[in-house]
N, C-alpha and C. Protein backbone atom coordinates (compact mmCIF):
# COMPACT_ATOMS: atom_id res chain seq x y z
N MET A 1 40.43 -55.09 -29.98
CA MET A 1 39.17 -53.52 -30.35
C MET A 1 39.01 -53.87 -29.01
N SER A 2 38.22 -52.39 -28.97
CA SER A 2 38.19 -52.20 -28.01
C SER A 2 36.54 -52.07 -27.60
N LEU A 3 35.18 -51.93 -26.45
CA LEU A 3 34.04 -51.53 -26.61
C LEU A 3 34.03 -50.25 -27.42
N TYR A 4 34.68 -49.47 -27.70
CA TYR A 4 34.81 -48.01 -27.95
C TYR A 4 34.92 -48.06 -29.63
N GLN A 5 34.98 -49.15 -30.03
CA GLN A 5 35.33 -48.91 -31.71
C GLN A 5 33.80 -49.73 -32.31
N ILE A 6 32.85 -50.14 -31.07
CA ILE A 6 31.52 -50.26 -31.66
C ILE A 6 30.74 -49.54 -32.21
N SER A 7 29.89 -50.06 -32.79
CA SER A 7 28.96 -49.18 -33.07
C SER A 7 27.58 -49.60 -32.96
N VAL A 8 26.28 -49.29 -32.84
CA VAL A 8 25.11 -49.61 -32.46
C VAL A 8 24.31 -48.90 -33.36
N GLU A 9 22.62 -49.52 -33.48
CA GLU A 9 21.92 -48.72 -33.86
C GLU A 9 20.85 -48.57 -32.92
N ASP A 10 20.05 -47.11 -32.95
CA ASP A 10 18.91 -46.91 -31.93
C ASP A 10 18.03 -46.28 -32.46
N ILE A 11 17.04 -46.54 -31.64
CA ILE A 11 15.52 -47.01 -32.33
C ILE A 11 15.28 -46.33 -33.52
N ASN A 12 15.65 -44.88 -33.90
CA ASN A 12 15.27 -44.03 -34.78
C ASN A 12 16.18 -44.71 -36.51
N ASN A 13 17.05 -45.82 -35.66
CA ASN A 13 18.27 -46.07 -36.89
C ASN A 13 19.36 -45.23 -37.09
N ASN A 14 19.57 -44.43 -35.92
CA ASN A 14 20.43 -43.55 -36.25
C ASN A 14 21.87 -44.69 -36.08
N ILE A 15 23.33 -44.64 -36.79
CA ILE A 15 24.25 -45.30 -35.80
C ILE A 15 24.98 -44.38 -34.72
N VAL A 16 25.47 -45.55 -33.72
CA VAL A 16 25.86 -44.52 -32.37
C VAL A 16 27.52 -45.57 -32.51
N GLU A 17 27.99 -44.32 -32.06
CA GLU A 17 29.43 -45.00 -31.84
C GLU A 17 29.74 -45.16 -30.05
N LEU A 18 30.05 -46.11 -29.46
CA LEU A 18 29.95 -46.23 -28.33
C LEU A 18 31.14 -45.61 -27.85
N SER A 19 32.05 -45.09 -28.47
CA SER A 19 32.71 -43.76 -28.00
C SER A 19 32.42 -42.72 -27.53
N ALA A 20 30.81 -42.39 -27.94
CA ALA A 20 30.12 -41.45 -26.82
C ALA A 20 30.18 -41.71 -25.79
N TYR A 21 30.63 -42.80 -25.25
CA TYR A 21 30.22 -43.03 -24.02
C TYR A 21 31.65 -43.05 -23.20
N LYS A 22 32.51 -42.68 -23.97
CA LYS A 22 33.76 -42.55 -23.56
C LYS A 22 33.70 -41.53 -21.67
N SER A 23 34.23 -42.14 -21.18
CA SER A 23 34.40 -41.23 -19.49
C SER A 23 33.35 -41.76 -18.34
N LYS A 24 32.20 -42.39 -19.06
CA LYS A 24 30.83 -42.88 -18.34
C LYS A 24 30.39 -43.96 -18.11
N VAL A 25 29.91 -44.11 -16.69
CA VAL A 25 29.71 -45.81 -16.40
C VAL A 25 28.70 -46.68 -17.04
N LEU A 26 28.21 -47.45 -17.93
CA LEU A 26 27.39 -47.66 -18.07
C LEU A 26 26.95 -48.68 -17.51
N LEU A 27 25.25 -49.03 -17.50
CA LEU A 27 24.81 -50.38 -17.45
C LEU A 27 24.17 -50.89 -18.71
N ILE A 28 24.22 -51.64 -19.79
CA ILE A 28 24.21 -52.32 -20.82
C ILE A 28 23.29 -53.60 -20.03
N VAL A 29 22.36 -53.32 -20.76
CA VAL A 29 20.61 -54.25 -20.56
C VAL A 29 20.13 -54.86 -22.10
N ASN A 30 20.13 -56.63 -22.36
CA ASN A 30 18.76 -57.07 -22.90
C ASN A 30 17.65 -56.63 -21.97
N THR A 31 16.49 -56.47 -22.86
CA THR A 31 15.62 -56.18 -22.19
C THR A 31 14.21 -56.73 -22.72
N ALA A 32 12.95 -56.88 -21.98
CA ALA A 32 12.15 -58.06 -22.75
C ALA A 32 10.91 -56.82 -22.30
N THR A 33 9.61 -56.71 -22.92
CA THR A 33 8.34 -56.43 -23.10
C THR A 33 7.44 -56.93 -22.28
N LYS A 34 7.91 -58.50 -22.52
CA LYS A 34 6.80 -59.21 -21.90
C LYS A 34 7.06 -60.47 -21.16
N CYS A 35 8.47 -60.26 -20.39
CA CYS A 35 9.20 -61.20 -19.79
C CYS A 35 8.40 -60.82 -17.72
N PHE A 36 8.69 -62.39 -17.65
CA PHE A 36 9.21 -61.97 -15.89
C PHE A 36 9.35 -60.48 -15.68
N PHE A 37 10.43 -60.26 -15.79
CA PHE A 37 11.60 -59.45 -15.66
C PHE A 37 11.35 -57.82 -16.10
N THR A 38 10.48 -57.90 -16.81
CA THR A 38 9.83 -56.92 -16.99
C THR A 38 9.67 -55.68 -16.06
N PRO A 39 9.54 -55.79 -15.25
CA PRO A 39 9.44 -54.73 -13.62
C PRO A 39 10.27 -54.19 -13.68
N GLN A 40 11.62 -54.33 -13.98
CA GLN A 40 12.90 -54.43 -13.69
C GLN A 40 13.10 -52.79 -14.50
N TYR A 41 12.08 -52.42 -14.98
CA TYR A 41 12.39 -51.25 -15.83
C TYR A 41 12.33 -49.90 -14.93
N ILE A 42 11.25 -50.08 -13.93
CA ILE A 42 11.06 -49.44 -12.89
C ILE A 42 12.58 -48.72 -12.51
N GLY A 43 13.31 -50.04 -11.35
CA GLY A 43 14.46 -50.35 -10.88
C GLY A 43 15.22 -49.54 -11.98
N LEU A 44 15.22 -50.27 -12.82
CA LEU A 44 16.43 -49.13 -14.00
C LEU A 44 16.75 -47.63 -14.20
N GLN A 45 15.22 -47.35 -14.05
CA GLN A 45 14.49 -46.08 -14.35
C GLN A 45 15.47 -45.04 -12.88
N LYS A 46 15.28 -45.51 -11.65
CA LYS A 46 15.38 -45.70 -10.66
C LYS A 46 17.44 -45.38 -10.16
N LEU A 47 17.44 -45.91 -10.91
CA LEU A 47 19.46 -45.46 -11.34
C LEU A 47 19.40 -44.77 -12.20
N TYR A 48 19.17 -44.41 -12.86
CA TYR A 48 18.99 -44.05 -13.79
C TYR A 48 19.25 -42.52 -13.53
N ASP A 49 17.88 -41.97 -12.73
CA ASP A 49 17.23 -40.87 -11.95
C ASP A 49 18.64 -40.40 -11.09
N ALA A 50 18.96 -41.93 -10.45
CA ALA A 50 19.44 -41.27 -9.24
C ALA A 50 21.34 -41.04 -9.79
N TYR A 51 21.67 -41.46 -10.59
CA TYR A 51 22.99 -41.46 -11.04
C TYR A 51 23.45 -40.59 -12.49
N GLN A 52 22.63 -40.19 -12.63
CA GLN A 52 22.88 -39.97 -14.44
C GLN A 52 23.57 -38.52 -14.61
N LYS A 53 23.17 -37.84 -13.70
CA LYS A 53 24.09 -36.38 -13.46
C LYS A 53 25.37 -36.57 -13.22
N GLU A 54 25.64 -37.62 -12.83
CA GLU A 54 27.40 -37.99 -12.00
C GLU A 54 27.96 -39.12 -13.29
N GLY A 55 27.61 -39.43 -14.71
CA GLY A 55 28.21 -39.88 -15.59
C GLY A 55 28.19 -41.65 -15.77
N PHE A 56 26.66 -41.38 -15.50
CA PHE A 56 25.82 -43.04 -15.38
C PHE A 56 25.00 -42.86 -16.55
N GLU A 57 25.27 -43.67 -17.09
CA GLU A 57 24.03 -44.27 -18.33
C GLU A 57 23.70 -45.45 -18.53
N ILE A 58 22.41 -45.82 -19.33
CA ILE A 58 21.85 -47.32 -19.25
C ILE A 58 21.75 -48.02 -20.61
N LEU A 59 21.93 -48.54 -21.63
CA LEU A 59 22.34 -48.94 -23.08
C LEU A 59 20.89 -49.88 -22.85
N ASP A 60 20.10 -49.33 -23.38
CA ASP A 60 18.45 -50.80 -23.65
C ASP A 60 18.46 -51.44 -24.37
N PHE A 61 19.15 -52.75 -24.62
CA PHE A 61 19.35 -53.50 -26.13
C PHE A 61 17.38 -54.55 -25.51
N PRO A 62 16.25 -53.98 -26.63
CA PRO A 62 15.43 -55.32 -26.80
C PRO A 62 15.97 -55.96 -27.42
N SER A 63 15.43 -57.47 -26.81
CA SER A 63 16.11 -58.48 -27.87
C SER A 63 14.71 -59.66 -27.52
N ASN A 64 14.29 -59.81 -29.03
CA ASN A 64 13.23 -60.95 -28.84
C ASN A 64 13.58 -62.57 -29.02
N GLN A 65 14.80 -62.62 -28.67
CA GLN A 65 15.67 -64.10 -29.03
C GLN A 65 14.70 -65.18 -27.86
N PHE A 66 14.77 -64.26 -27.00
CA PHE A 66 13.46 -65.62 -25.51
C PHE A 66 12.08 -64.87 -25.85
N ALA A 67 11.82 -64.74 -27.09
CA ALA A 67 10.06 -64.55 -27.40
C ALA A 67 9.40 -63.27 -26.20
N ASP A 68 10.06 -62.65 -25.81
CA ASP A 68 9.48 -61.89 -24.86
C ASP A 68 9.31 -60.37 -25.28
N ALA A 69 10.05 -60.64 -27.14
CA ALA A 69 9.93 -58.24 -26.95
C ALA A 69 9.29 -58.49 -28.01
N PRO A 70 8.10 -58.97 -28.64
CA PRO A 70 7.68 -58.76 -29.66
C PRO A 70 7.16 -57.57 -30.02
N GLY A 71 7.19 -56.28 -31.50
CA GLY A 71 6.13 -55.90 -31.45
C GLY A 71 7.32 -55.11 -31.82
N SER A 72 7.12 -54.10 -32.93
CA SER A 72 7.73 -52.77 -33.57
C SER A 72 8.95 -51.95 -32.28
N LEU A 73 9.92 -51.41 -33.03
CA LEU A 73 10.22 -50.62 -31.96
C LEU A 73 9.94 -49.70 -31.31
N GLU A 74 8.61 -49.24 -32.26
CA GLU A 74 7.76 -48.01 -31.80
C GLU A 74 6.88 -48.66 -30.99
N GLU A 75 6.91 -49.81 -31.34
CA GLU A 75 5.32 -50.17 -30.06
C GLU A 75 6.58 -50.65 -28.49
N ILE A 76 7.47 -51.23 -28.50
CA ILE A 76 8.30 -51.11 -27.51
C ILE A 76 8.78 -49.92 -26.42
N ASP A 77 9.18 -49.15 -27.25
CA ASP A 77 9.62 -47.68 -27.14
C ASP A 77 8.19 -46.99 -26.04
N GLU A 78 7.33 -47.19 -27.00
CA GLU A 78 5.64 -46.54 -26.51
C GLU A 78 5.61 -47.23 -24.94
N PHE A 79 5.48 -48.45 -24.91
CA PHE A 79 5.65 -49.69 -23.85
C PHE A 79 6.56 -48.71 -22.29
N CYS A 80 7.60 -48.79 -22.73
CA CYS A 80 8.16 -48.56 -21.72
C CYS A 80 8.33 -46.87 -21.38
N VAL A 81 8.26 -46.01 -21.68
CA VAL A 81 7.98 -44.80 -21.86
C VAL A 81 6.55 -44.48 -20.81
N ASN A 82 5.37 -45.21 -21.49
CA ASN A 82 4.39 -44.73 -21.14
C ASN A 82 4.15 -45.43 -19.57
N LYS A 83 4.45 -46.76 -19.56
CA LYS A 83 4.45 -47.87 -18.39
C LYS A 83 5.30 -47.39 -17.65
N PHE A 84 6.40 -47.46 -18.00
CA PHE A 84 7.02 -46.88 -16.84
C PHE A 84 7.96 -45.59 -16.80
N GLU A 85 7.93 -45.00 -17.66
CA GLU A 85 8.52 -43.22 -17.43
C GLU A 85 9.86 -44.07 -17.85
N THR A 86 10.29 -44.36 -18.32
CA THR A 86 11.83 -44.63 -18.68
C THR A 86 12.79 -43.18 -19.46
N LYS A 87 13.90 -43.10 -19.63
CA LYS A 87 14.52 -41.92 -19.65
C LYS A 87 15.59 -42.15 -20.75
N PHE A 88 16.32 -43.41 -20.92
CA PHE A 88 17.77 -43.62 -21.00
C PHE A 88 17.37 -44.43 -22.51
N LYS A 89 18.79 -43.97 -23.04
CA LYS A 89 18.62 -44.75 -24.51
C LYS A 89 18.20 -46.30 -24.89
N ARG A 90 17.84 -46.09 -25.61
CA ARG A 90 17.23 -47.53 -26.18
C ARG A 90 17.41 -47.67 -27.90
N PHE A 91 18.01 -49.09 -27.94
CA PHE A 91 18.34 -49.17 -29.09
C PHE A 91 17.66 -50.22 -29.79
N THR A 92 17.90 -50.40 -31.07
CA THR A 92 17.18 -51.72 -32.07
C THR A 92 17.27 -53.02 -31.42
N LYS A 93 16.68 -53.89 -31.74
CA LYS A 93 16.28 -55.11 -31.39
C LYS A 93 17.60 -56.18 -31.37
N ILE A 94 18.01 -56.72 -30.77
CA ILE A 94 18.96 -57.69 -31.36
C ILE A 94 19.11 -59.02 -30.35
N ASN A 95 19.93 -59.52 -31.28
CA ASN A 95 20.29 -60.97 -30.32
C ASN A 95 21.58 -61.07 -29.68
N VAL A 96 21.30 -61.68 -28.42
CA VAL A 96 22.71 -61.83 -27.71
C VAL A 96 23.07 -63.11 -27.84
N ASN A 97 22.96 -63.85 -28.29
CA ASN A 97 23.60 -65.04 -28.57
C ASN A 97 23.38 -65.81 -30.25
N GLY A 98 24.22 -66.96 -30.33
CA GLY A 98 24.33 -67.41 -32.17
C GLY A 98 24.77 -66.94 -32.71
N PRO A 99 24.96 -67.46 -33.93
CA PRO A 99 25.17 -67.01 -35.14
C PRO A 99 24.94 -65.57 -35.31
N ASP A 100 24.30 -64.67 -34.96
CA ASP A 100 23.76 -63.92 -35.49
C ASP A 100 24.02 -62.46 -34.16
N GLU A 101 24.44 -62.83 -33.21
CA GLU A 101 24.58 -62.32 -31.81
C GLU A 101 25.38 -60.72 -32.26
N SER A 102 24.83 -59.88 -31.47
CA SER A 102 25.40 -58.11 -32.18
C SER A 102 26.73 -58.81 -31.18
N ILE A 103 27.42 -57.97 -32.14
CA ILE A 103 28.94 -57.69 -32.21
C ILE A 103 29.16 -57.28 -30.42
N LEU A 104 28.47 -55.74 -30.14
CA LEU A 104 28.24 -55.67 -28.88
C LEU A 104 28.31 -56.77 -27.98
N TYR A 105 27.35 -57.83 -28.14
CA TYR A 105 27.36 -58.73 -26.56
C TYR A 105 28.44 -59.64 -26.90
N THR A 106 28.49 -60.01 -28.27
CA THR A 106 29.77 -61.13 -28.09
C THR A 106 31.71 -60.39 -27.46
N TYR A 107 31.34 -58.60 -27.73
CA TYR A 107 32.15 -58.16 -26.85
C TYR A 107 32.23 -58.43 -25.20
N LEU A 108 30.74 -57.94 -25.08
CA LEU A 108 31.01 -58.32 -23.63
C LEU A 108 30.92 -59.76 -22.86
N LYS A 109 30.64 -60.38 -23.52
CA LYS A 109 30.22 -61.76 -22.88
C LYS A 109 32.23 -62.56 -22.97
N ARG A 110 33.03 -62.36 -23.44
CA ARG A 110 34.16 -61.98 -23.77
C ARG A 110 35.21 -61.94 -22.96
N HIS A 111 34.39 -60.55 -22.76
CA HIS A 111 35.90 -59.31 -21.92
C HIS A 111 35.19 -59.37 -20.15
N GLU A 112 34.10 -60.22 -20.17
CA GLU A 112 33.50 -60.70 -18.84
C GLU A 112 34.51 -61.02 -18.33
N LYS A 113 34.42 -60.40 -16.82
CA LYS A 113 35.34 -61.39 -15.71
C LYS A 113 35.20 -62.68 -15.09
N GLY A 114 36.09 -63.72 -14.76
CA GLY A 114 35.35 -64.71 -14.52
C GLY A 114 35.37 -65.70 -15.69
N ILE A 115 33.70 -66.48 -15.64
CA ILE A 115 33.20 -67.12 -16.93
C ILE A 115 33.39 -66.54 -17.87
N PHE A 116 34.24 -67.36 -19.00
CA PHE A 116 34.73 -66.69 -20.45
C PHE A 116 33.63 -67.03 -21.15
N ASN A 117 32.66 -66.19 -21.47
CA ASN A 117 31.61 -66.20 -22.95
C ASN A 117 30.40 -67.18 -23.00
N GLN A 118 30.03 -66.95 -21.58
CA GLN A 118 29.08 -67.65 -21.38
C GLN A 118 27.78 -67.01 -21.97
N LYS A 119 26.88 -67.66 -22.66
CA LYS A 119 25.61 -67.66 -22.97
C LYS A 119 24.93 -66.74 -22.48
N ILE A 120 23.76 -65.57 -22.44
CA ILE A 120 23.17 -64.83 -21.45
C ILE A 120 21.74 -65.96 -21.35
N LYS A 121 21.49 -65.89 -20.72
CA LYS A 121 20.22 -67.23 -20.01
C LYS A 121 19.51 -67.07 -20.34
N TRP A 122 18.56 -65.35 -20.35
CA TRP A 122 17.12 -64.58 -20.27
C TRP A 122 17.34 -62.89 -20.40
N ASN A 123 16.56 -62.85 -20.74
CA ASN A 123 16.60 -60.85 -20.22
C ASN A 123 16.61 -60.68 -19.51
N PHE A 124 17.07 -59.19 -19.51
CA PHE A 124 17.72 -58.74 -18.10
C PHE A 124 18.51 -59.28 -17.40
N THR A 125 19.72 -59.69 -18.24
CA THR A 125 21.13 -59.75 -18.31
C THR A 125 21.33 -58.68 -18.31
N LYS A 126 22.38 -58.23 -16.91
CA LYS A 126 23.29 -56.61 -17.30
C LYS A 126 24.44 -56.54 -16.99
N PHE A 127 25.37 -56.00 -17.66
CA PHE A 127 26.70 -55.38 -17.86
C PHE A 127 27.03 -54.24 -17.09
N LEU A 128 27.81 -53.71 -16.33
CA LEU A 128 28.19 -53.19 -15.27
C LEU A 128 29.72 -53.14 -16.22
N VAL A 129 29.96 -51.53 -16.80
CA VAL A 129 31.28 -51.51 -17.59
C VAL A 129 31.51 -49.85 -16.73
N ASP A 130 33.04 -49.68 -16.80
CA ASP A 130 33.67 -48.85 -15.96
C ASP A 130 33.86 -47.88 -17.39
N GLN A 131 34.46 -46.35 -16.74
CA GLN A 131 34.58 -45.05 -17.57
C GLN A 131 35.63 -45.36 -18.73
N GLU A 132 36.48 -46.49 -18.17
CA GLU A 132 37.85 -47.59 -19.46
C GLU A 132 37.35 -48.19 -20.97
N GLY A 133 35.83 -48.81 -20.41
CA GLY A 133 35.28 -49.37 -21.34
C GLY A 133 35.43 -50.81 -21.11
N ARG A 134 36.00 -51.01 -19.82
CA ARG A 134 36.48 -52.38 -19.08
C ARG A 134 34.83 -52.85 -18.77
N VAL A 135 34.59 -54.14 -19.12
CA VAL A 135 33.58 -55.18 -18.19
C VAL A 135 34.15 -55.31 -16.89
N ILE A 136 33.11 -54.58 -16.24
CA ILE A 136 33.66 -54.97 -14.50
C ILE A 136 32.48 -56.31 -13.85
N LYS A 137 31.59 -56.37 -14.01
CA LYS A 137 30.69 -57.18 -13.90
C LYS A 137 29.20 -57.40 -14.78
N ARG A 138 28.77 -58.96 -14.57
CA ARG A 138 27.59 -60.00 -15.38
C ARG A 138 26.57 -59.64 -14.13
N TYR A 139 25.07 -59.18 -14.35
CA TYR A 139 24.46 -59.86 -13.39
C TYR A 139 23.48 -60.37 -13.78
N ALA A 140 23.52 -61.28 -13.09
CA ALA A 140 21.78 -62.47 -13.89
C ALA A 140 20.57 -61.58 -14.17
N PRO A 141 19.70 -62.33 -14.36
CA PRO A 141 18.48 -61.48 -14.66
C PRO A 141 17.40 -61.90 -13.08
N MET A 142 17.77 -62.05 -12.47
CA MET A 142 16.92 -62.12 -10.88
C MET A 142 17.98 -60.87 -10.24
N VAL A 143 19.09 -60.45 -10.40
CA VAL A 143 19.21 -59.13 -9.73
C VAL A 143 19.08 -58.08 -10.01
N LYS A 144 17.92 -57.53 -8.86
CA LYS A 144 17.94 -56.52 -9.20
C LYS A 144 17.98 -55.18 -9.14
N PRO A 145 17.84 -54.23 -10.06
CA PRO A 145 18.58 -52.31 -10.28
C PRO A 145 19.26 -52.38 -9.24
N GLU A 146 18.49 -52.51 -7.80
CA GLU A 146 18.98 -51.21 -7.18
C GLU A 146 19.85 -52.24 -6.22
N LYS A 147 20.18 -53.31 -6.28
CA LYS A 147 21.10 -54.33 -5.64
C LYS A 147 22.47 -53.97 -6.40
N ILE A 148 22.01 -53.13 -7.82
CA ILE A 148 23.44 -52.82 -8.07
C ILE A 148 23.80 -51.89 -8.15
N ALA A 149 23.30 -51.11 -7.25
CA ALA A 149 23.16 -49.45 -7.10
C ALA A 149 24.82 -49.14 -6.41
N LYS A 150 25.63 -49.79 -5.45
CA LYS A 150 26.49 -49.88 -4.68
C LYS A 150 27.91 -50.01 -5.34
N ASP A 151 27.32 -50.74 -6.82
CA ASP A 151 28.51 -50.96 -7.35
C ASP A 151 29.00 -49.65 -8.55
N ILE A 152 27.94 -49.65 -8.61
CA ILE A 152 28.09 -48.11 -9.37
C ILE A 152 28.45 -47.27 -8.87
N GLU A 153 27.83 -46.78 -7.78
CA GLU A 153 28.46 -45.64 -6.78
C GLU A 153 29.93 -45.63 -6.94
N LYS A 154 30.57 -46.93 -6.67
CA LYS A 154 31.57 -47.15 -6.54
C LYS A 154 32.99 -47.04 -7.76
N LEU A 155 32.50 -47.38 -8.66
CA LEU A 155 33.01 -46.58 -10.21
C LEU A 155 32.97 -45.20 -10.53
N LEU A 156 31.88 -44.47 -9.69
CA LEU A 156 31.65 -43.22 -9.89
C LEU A 156 32.23 -42.70 -9.28
N LYS A 157 32.79 -42.52 -7.91
CA LYS A 157 33.37 -42.22 -6.54
C LYS A 157 34.95 -42.68 -7.41
N ASN A 158 35.29 -43.63 -8.47
CA ASN A 158 36.79 -43.67 -8.53
C ASN A 158 37.21 -42.73 -9.57
N LYS A 159 36.17 -42.44 -10.55
CA LYS A 159 36.17 -41.08 -11.64
C LYS A 159 36.90 -39.79 -10.65
N ARG A 160 36.63 -39.85 -9.61
CA ARG A 160 36.39 -38.20 -8.70
C ARG A 160 38.54 -38.08 -8.27
């Protein structure tokens, strides 16, 4: 199975095939609106602003699995847009661990280099994916988005 064979649901309940992101560098993040790390939305938006035109996308997957993303999808989206002015793609709430985890997160954890299939410990865990759909790196929640910029730049330069 490839990343590009996975389909997910966006906040408007539309099915989105990840094959739509072929040739893009992706940062896939499980997020929450009432988490210690929620201010990272500022850094994520800065990354998006800096690199989106070069072929970079952020895929935001709210998760209430750690009880930090209450509310409806509409409330979550409104919060992110109004408070942090986010413009990147947001999807439906998912589970990132356990028997009901999203197939996307099963894939990301299985294909991560290094530690195999380690549980997601908290919100704002970030996965960097290259233009071929390979999981390049996993970043812990405490890694601020601005610390990821050099890795994104390296992948975007490899495309040229």
